[in-house]
């Protein structure tokens, strides 16, 4: 897997994952929608750790700039 995410992209995804977890575990967003947010947050967190987003591939998107 070739890196296709910049550090800014990774930080934003990790922050969104934290917000989604907070919303669910604090009870603000309960039920099915809360579980969907937690799963989406887990995906965001995983992709931010590996710096690779599979959804970027078909659209040939890359926020990573080799410096």
PDB file of N, CA and C in Angstrom:
ATOM      1  N   UNK A   1       0.834  -1.177   0.000  1.00  0.00           N
ATOM      2  CA  UNK A   1       0.000   0.000   0.000  1.00  0.00           C
ATOM      3  C   UNK A   1       0.882   1.244   0.000  1.00  0.00           C
ATOM      4  N   UNK A   2       0.614   2.078  -0.927  1.00  0.00           N
ATOM      5  CA  UNK A   2       1.367   3.306  -1.073  1.00  0.00           C
ATOM      6  C   UNK A   2       0.639   4.423  -0.322  1.00  0.00           C
ATOM      7  N   UNK A   3       1.358   5.192   0.437  1.00  0.00           N
ATOM      8  CA  UNK A   3       0.765   6.276   1.226  1.00  0.00           C
ATOM      9  C   UNK A   3       0.051   7.269   0.310  1.00  0.00           C
ATOM     10  N   UNK A   4      -1.189   7.628   0.681  1.00  0.00           N
ATOM     11  CA  UNK A   4      -1.922   8.610  -0.112  1.00  0.00           C
ATOM     12  C   UNK A   4      -2.643   9.643   0.761  1.00  0.00           C
ATOM     13  N   UNK A   5      -2.218   9.769   2.016  1.00  0.00           N
ATOM     14  CA  UNK A   5      -2.832  10.731   2.931  1.00  0.00           C
ATOM     15  C   UNK A   5      -1.770  11.621   3.563  1.00  0.00           C
ATOM     16  N   UNK A   6      -2.049  12.919   3.587  1.00  0.00           N
ATOM     17  CA  UNK A   6      -1.134  13.855   4.233  1.00  0.00           C
ATOM     18  C   UNK A   6      -1.323  13.805   5.751  1.00  0.00           C
ATOM     19  N   UNK A   7      -0.405  14.438   6.458  1.00  0.00           N
ATOM     20  CA  UNK A   7      -0.519  14.480   7.916  1.00  0.00           C
ATOM     21  C   UNK A   7      -1.750  15.261   8.367  1.00  0.00           C
ATOM     22  N   UNK A   8      -2.109  16.308   7.633  1.00  0.00           N
ATOM     23  CA  UNK A   8      -3.308  17.084   7.968  1.00  0.00           C
ATOM     24  C   UNK A   8      -4.546  16.203   7.821  1.00  0.00           C
ATOM     25  N   UNK A   9      -4.621  15.450   6.747  1.00  0.00           N
ATOM     26  CA  UNK A   9      -5.725  14.529   6.508  1.00  0.00           C
ATOM     27  C   UNK A   9      -5.812  13.502   7.644  1.00  0.00           C
ATOM     28  N   UNK A  10      -4.674  12.988   8.064  1.00  0.00           N
ATOM     29  CA  UNK A  10      -4.636  11.993   9.137  1.00  0.00           C
ATOM     30  C   UNK A  10      -5.111  12.590  10.465  1.00  0.00           C
ATOM     31  N   UNK A  11      -4.700  13.807  10.760  1.00  0.00           N
ATOM     32  CA  UNK A  11      -5.103  14.463  12.010  1.00  0.00           C
ATOM     33  C   UNK A  11      -6.606  14.732  12.016  1.00  0.00           C
ATOM     34  N   UNK A  12      -7.133  15.181  10.890  1.00  0.00           N
ATOM     35  CA  UNK A  12      -8.572  15.442  10.795  1.00  0.00           C
ATOM     36  C   UNK A  12      -9.364  14.155  11.004  1.00  0.00           C
ATOM     37  N   UNK A  13      -8.930  13.063  10.397  1.00  0.00           N
ATOM     38  CA  UNK A  13      -9.624  11.782  10.566  1.00  0.00           C
ATOM     39  C   UNK A  13      -9.574  11.298  12.007  1.00  0.00           C
ATOM     40  N   UNK A  14      -8.426  11.433  12.657  1.00  0.00           N
ATOM     41  CA  UNK A  14      -8.307  11.007  14.057  1.00  0.00           C
ATOM     42  C   UNK A  14      -9.188  11.875  14.956  1.00  0.00           C
ATOM     43  N   UNK A  15      -9.248  13.163  14.677  1.00  0.00           N
ATOM     44  CA  UNK A  15     -10.100  14.057  15.465  1.00  0.00           C
ATOM     45  C   UNK A  15     -11.577  13.713  15.279  1.00  0.00           C
ATOM     46  N   UNK A  16     -11.975  13.438  14.049  1.00  0.00           N
ATOM     47  CA  UNK A  16     -13.362  13.036  13.793  1.00  0.00           C
ATOM     48  C   UNK A  16     -13.697  11.727  14.497  1.00  0.00           C
ATOM     49  N   UNK A  17     -12.766  10.797  14.512  1.00  0.00           N
ATOM     50  CA  UNK A  17     -12.987   9.530  15.212  1.00  0.00           C
ATOM     51  C   UNK A  17     -13.197   9.780  16.701  1.00  0.00           C
ATOM     52  N   UNK A  18     -12.432  10.683  17.273  1.00  0.00           N
ATOM     53  CA  UNK A  18     -12.588  11.016  18.692  1.00  0.00           C
ATOM     54  C   UNK A  18     -13.947  11.673  18.953  1.00  0.00           C
ATOM     55  N   UNK A  19     -14.366  12.559  18.062  1.00  0.00           N
ATOM     56  CA  UNK A  19     -15.673  13.212  18.211  1.00  0.00           C
ATOM     57  C   UNK A  19     -16.796  12.178  18.108  1.00  0.00           C
ATOM     58  N   UNK A  20     -16.711  11.271  17.144  1.00  0.00           N
ATOM     59  CA  UNK A  20     -17.734  10.240  16.995  1.00  0.00           C
ATOM     60  C   UNK A  20     -17.803   9.352  18.234  1.00  0.00           C
ATOM     61  N   UNK A  21     -16.649   8.982  18.770  1.00  0.00           N
ATOM     62  CA  UNK A  21     -16.630   8.158  19.981  1.00  0.00           C
ATOM     63  C   UNK A  21     -17.245   8.908  21.154  1.00  0.00           C
ATOM     64  N   UNK A  22     -16.922  10.171  21.299  1.00  0.00           N
ATOM     65  CA  UNK A  22     -17.498  10.988  22.372  1.00  0.00           C
ATOM     66  C   UNK A  22     -19.014  11.070  22.250  1.00  0.00           C
ATOM     67  N   UNK A  23     -19.494  11.331  21.042  1.00  0.00           N
ATOM     68  CA  UNK A  23     -20.937  11.451  20.838  1.00  0.00           C
ATOM     69  C   UNK A  23     -21.673  10.165  21.210  1.00  0.00           C
ATOM     70  N   UNK A  24     -21.078   9.033  20.873  1.00  0.00           N
ATOM     71  CA  UNK A  24     -21.736   7.755  21.185  1.00  0.00           C
ATOM     72  C   UNK A  24     -21.637   7.411  22.664  1.00  0.00           C
ATOM     73  N   UNK A  25     -20.435   7.462  23.217  1.00  0.00           N
ATOM     74  CA  UNK A  25     -20.232   7.005  24.591  1.00  0.00           C
ATOM     75  C   UNK A  25     -20.777   7.965  25.636  1.00  0.00           C
ATOM     76  N   UNK A  26     -21.027   9.212  25.262  1.00  0.00           N
ATOM     77  CA  UNK A  26     -21.661  10.139  26.198  1.00  0.00           C
ATOM     78  C   UNK A  26     -23.182  10.063  26.115  1.00  0.00           C
ATOM     79  N   UNK A  27     -23.694   9.313  25.156  1.00  0.00           N
ATOM     80  CA  UNK A  27     -25.131   9.120  25.031  1.00  0.00           C
ATOM     81  C   UNK A  27     -25.837  10.180  24.212  1.00  0.00           C
ATOM     82  N   UNK A  28     -25.090  11.060  23.572  1.00  0.00           N
ATOM     83  CA  UNK A  28     -25.703  12.108  22.760  1.00  0.00           C
ATOM     84  C   UNK A  28     -26.328  11.517  21.491  1.00  0.00           C
ATOM     85  N   UNK A  29     -25.654  10.552  20.891  1.00  0.00           N
ATOM     86  CA  UNK A  29     -26.178   9.878  19.695  1.00  0.00           C
ATOM     87  C   UNK A  29     -26.283   8.383  20.009  1.00  0.00           C
ATOM     88  N   UNK A  30     -27.448   7.935  20.468  1.00  0.00           N
ATOM     89  CA  UNK A  30     -27.606   6.517  20.824  1.00  0.00           C
ATOM     90  C   UNK A  30     -28.114   5.681  19.642  1.00  0.00           C
ATOM     91  N   UNK A  31     -28.233   4.415  19.870  1.00  0.00           N
ATOM     92  CA  UNK A  31     -28.861   3.501  18.914  1.00  0.00           C
ATOM     93  C   UNK A  31     -28.019   3.190  17.705  1.00  0.00           C
ATOM     94  N   UNK A  32     -28.736   2.887  16.631  1.00  0.00           N
ATOM     95  CA  UNK A  32     -28.085   2.447  15.392  1.00  0.00           C
ATOM     96  C   UNK A  32     -27.185   3.544  14.822  1.00  0.00           C
ATOM     97  N   UNK A  33     -27.646   4.778  14.836  1.00  0.00           N
ATOM     98  CA  UNK A  33     -26.826   5.867  14.324  1.00  0.00           C
ATOM     99  C   UNK A  33     -25.531   5.999  15.119  1.00  0.00           C
ATOM    100  N   UNK A  34     -25.604   5.807  16.423  1.00  0.00           N
ATOM    101  CA  UNK A  34     -24.405   5.862  17.251  1.00  0.00           C
ATOM    102  C   UNK A  34     -23.421   4.762  16.905  1.00  0.00           C
ATOM    103  N   UNK A  35     -23.940   3.565  16.679  1.00  0.00           N
ATOM    104  CA  UNK A  35     -23.068   2.438  16.308  1.00  0.00           C
ATOM    105  C   UNK A  35     -22.435   2.694  14.942  1.00  0.00           C
ATOM    106  N   UNK A  36     -23.203   3.243  14.014  1.00  0.00           N
ATOM    107  CA  UNK A  36     -22.652   3.577  12.691  1.00  0.00           C
ATOM    108  C   UNK A  36     -21.528   4.598  12.837  1.00  0.00           C
ATOM    109  N   UNK A  37     -21.712   5.587  13.700  1.00  0.00           N
ATOM    110  CA  UNK A  37     -20.662   6.583  13.924  1.00  0.00           C
ATOM    111  C   UNK A  37     -19.407   5.952  14.521  1.00  0.00           C
ATOM    112  N   UNK A  38     -19.582   5.016  15.453  1.00  0.00           N
ATOM    113  CA  UNK A  38     -18.425   4.357  16.063  1.00  0.00           C
ATOM    114  C   UNK A  38     -17.670   3.529  15.021  1.00  0.00           C
ATOM    115  N   UNK A  39     -18.396   2.813  14.176  1.00  0.00           N
ATOM    116  CA  UNK A  39     -17.744   2.017  13.131  1.00  0.00           C
ATOM    117  C   UNK A  39     -17.021   2.935  12.145  1.00  0.00           C
ATOM    118  N   UNK A  40     -17.668   4.013  11.743  1.00  0.00           N
ATOM    119  CA  UNK A  40     -17.030   4.973  10.846  1.00  0.00           C
ATOM    120  C   UNK A  40     -15.799   5.595  11.501  1.00  0.00           C
ATOM    121  N   UNK A  41     -15.898   5.893  12.781  1.00  0.00           N
ATOM    122  CA  UNK A  41     -14.751   6.423  13.516  1.00  0.00           C
ATOM    123  C   UNK A  41     -13.601   5.433  13.564  1.00  0.00           C
ATOM    124  N   UNK A  42     -13.931   4.148  13.727  1.00  0.00           N
ATOM    125  CA  UNK A  42     -12.884   3.119  13.745  1.00  0.00           C
ATOM    126  C   UNK A  42     -12.182   3.038  12.389  1.00  0.00           C
ATOM    127  N   UNK A  43     -12.949   3.145  11.323  1.00  0.00           N
ATOM    128  CA  UNK A  43     -12.357   3.134   9.978  1.00  0.00           C
ATOM    129  C   UNK A  43     -11.468   4.360   9.793  1.00  0.00           C
ATOM    130  N   UNK A  44     -11.955   5.526  10.227  1.00  0.00           N
ATOM    131  CA  UNK A  44     -11.145   6.745  10.136  1.00  0.00           C
ATOM    132  C   UNK A  44      -9.848   6.599  10.916  1.00  0.00           C
ATOM    133  N   UNK A  45      -9.929   6.044  12.109  1.00  0.00           N
ATOM    134  CA  UNK A  45      -8.741   5.876  12.938  1.00  0.00           C
ATOM    135  C   UNK A  45      -7.750   4.902  12.291  1.00  0.00           C
ATOM    136  N   UNK A  46      -8.255   3.804  11.761  1.00  0.00           N
ATOM    137  CA  UNK A  46      -7.387   2.826  11.105  1.00  0.00           C
ATOM    138  C   UNK A  46      -6.699   3.435   9.884  1.00  0.00           C
ATOM    139  N   UNK A  47      -7.464   4.134   9.051  1.00  0.00           N
ATOM    140  CA  UNK A  47      -6.850   4.727   7.860  1.00  0.00           C
ATOM    141  C   UNK A  47      -5.869   5.832   8.221  1.00  0.00           C
ATOM    142  N   UNK A  48      -6.122   6.533   9.327  1.00  0.00           N
ATOM    143  CA  UNK A  48      -5.162   7.570   9.718  1.00  0.00           C
ATOM    144  C   UNK A  48      -3.861   6.952  10.234  1.00  0.00           C
ATOM    145  N   UNK A  49      -3.942   5.790  10.865  1.00  0.00           N
ATOM    146  CA  UNK A  49      -2.719   5.122  11.337  1.00  0.00           C
ATOM    147  C   UNK A  49      -1.873   4.590  10.188  1.00  0.00           C
ATOM    148  N   UNK A  50      -2.526   4.033   9.165  1.00  0.00           N
ATOM    149  CA  UNK A  50      -1.752   3.445   8.074  1.00  0.00           C
ATOM    150  C   UNK A  50      -1.486   4.426   6.931  1.00  0.00           C
ATOM    151  N   UNK A  51      -2.069   5.636   7.014  1.00  0.00           N
ATOM    152  CA  UNK A  51      -1.865   6.707   6.030  1.00  0.00           C
ATOM    153  C   UNK A  51      -2.274   6.285   4.622  1.00  0.00           C
ATOM    154  N   UNK A  52      -3.295   5.453   4.546  1.00  0.00           N
ATOM    155  CA  UNK A  52      -3.765   4.958   3.258  1.00  0.00           C
ATOM    156  C   UNK A  52      -5.285   4.868   3.291  1.00  0.00           C
ATOM    157  N   UNK A  53      -5.928   5.448   2.290  1.00  0.00           N
ATOM    158  CA  UNK A  53      -7.378   5.387   2.175  1.00  0.00           C
ATOM    159  C   UNK A  53      -7.739   4.653   0.886  1.00  0.00           C
ATOM    160  N   UNK A  54      -8.364   3.481   0.993  1.00  0.00           N
ATOM    161  CA  UNK A  54      -8.705   2.725  -0.215  1.00  0.00           C
ATOM    162  C   UNK A  54      -9.723   3.434  -1.108  1.00  0.00           C
ATOM    163  N   UNK A  55     -10.556   4.304  -0.552  1.00  0.00           N
ATOM    164  CA  UNK A  55     -11.536   5.017  -1.366  1.00  0.00           C
ATOM    165  C   UNK A  55     -10.892   6.085  -2.248  1.00  0.00           C
ATOM    166  N   UNK A  56      -9.684   6.478  -1.932  1.00  0.00           N
ATOM    167  CA  UNK A  56      -8.978   7.450  -2.766  1.00  0.00           C
ATOM    168  C   UNK A  56      -8.505   6.825  -4.082  1.00  0.00           C
ATOM    169  N   UNK A  57      -8.262   5.524  -4.101  1.00  0.00           N
ATOM    170  CA  UNK A  57      -7.687   4.863  -5.279  1.00  0.00           C
ATOM    171  C   UNK A  57      -8.529   4.990  -6.547  1.00  0.00           C
ATOM    172  N   UNK A  58      -9.828   4.644  -6.529  1.00  0.00           N
ATOM    173  CA  UNK A  58     -10.593   4.714  -7.781  1.00  0.00           C
ATOM    174  C   UNK A  58     -10.682   6.133  -8.358  1.00  0.00           C
ATOM    175  N   UNK A  59     -10.593   7.128  -7.473  1.00  0.00           N
ATOM    176  CA  UNK A  59     -10.690   8.515  -7.916  1.00  0.00           C
ATOM    177  C   UNK A  59      -9.331   9.163  -8.134  1.00  0.00           C
ATOM    178  N   UNK A  60      -8.271   8.379  -7.929  1.00  0.00           N
ATOM    179  CA  UNK A  60      -6.886   8.847  -8.088  1.00  0.00           C
ATOM    180  C   UNK A  60      -6.612  10.106  -7.272  1.00  0.00           C
ATOM    181  N   UNK A  61      -7.093  10.096  -6.022  1.00  0.00           N
ATOM    182  CA  UNK A  61      -6.883  11.206  -5.095  1.00  0.00           C
ATOM    183  C   UNK A  61      -5.690  10.878  -4.206  1.00  0.00           C
ATOM    184  N   UNK A  62      -4.873  11.873  -3.963  1.00  0.00           N
ATOM    185  CA  UNK A  62      -3.786  11.745  -3.009  1.00  0.00           C
ATOM    186  C   UNK A  62      -3.552  13.111  -2.367  1.00  0.00           C
ATOM    187  N   UNK A  63      -3.655  13.170  -1.047  1.00  0.00           N
ATOM    188  CA  UNK A  63      -3.361  14.411  -0.353  1.00  0.00           C
ATOM    189  C   UNK A  63      -1.909  14.449   0.127  1.00  0.00           C
ATOM    190  N   UNK A  64      -1.204  13.370  -0.113  1.00  0.00           N
ATOM    191  CA  UNK A  64       0.201  13.271   0.305  1.00  0.00           C
ATOM    192  C   UNK A  64       1.098  13.893  -0.760  1.00  0.00           C
ATOM    193  N   UNK A  65       1.923  14.793  -0.317  1.00  0.00           N
ATOM    194  CA  UNK A  65       2.897  15.420  -1.212  1.00  0.00           C
ATOM    195  C   UNK A  65       4.284  15.027  -0.745  1.00  0.00           C
ATOM    196  N   UNK A  66       5.018  14.383  -1.601  1.00  0.00           N
ATOM    197  CA  UNK A  66       6.389  14.012  -1.234  1.00  0.00           C
ATOM    198  C   UNK A  66       7.213  15.267  -1.095  1.00  0.00           C
ATOM    199  N   UNK A  67       7.900  15.356   0.063  1.00  0.00           N
ATOM    200  CA  UNK A  67       8.599  16.597   0.318  1.00  0.00           C
ATOM    201  C   UNK A  67      10.036  16.472   0.281  1.00  0.00           C
TER     202      UNK A  67
END
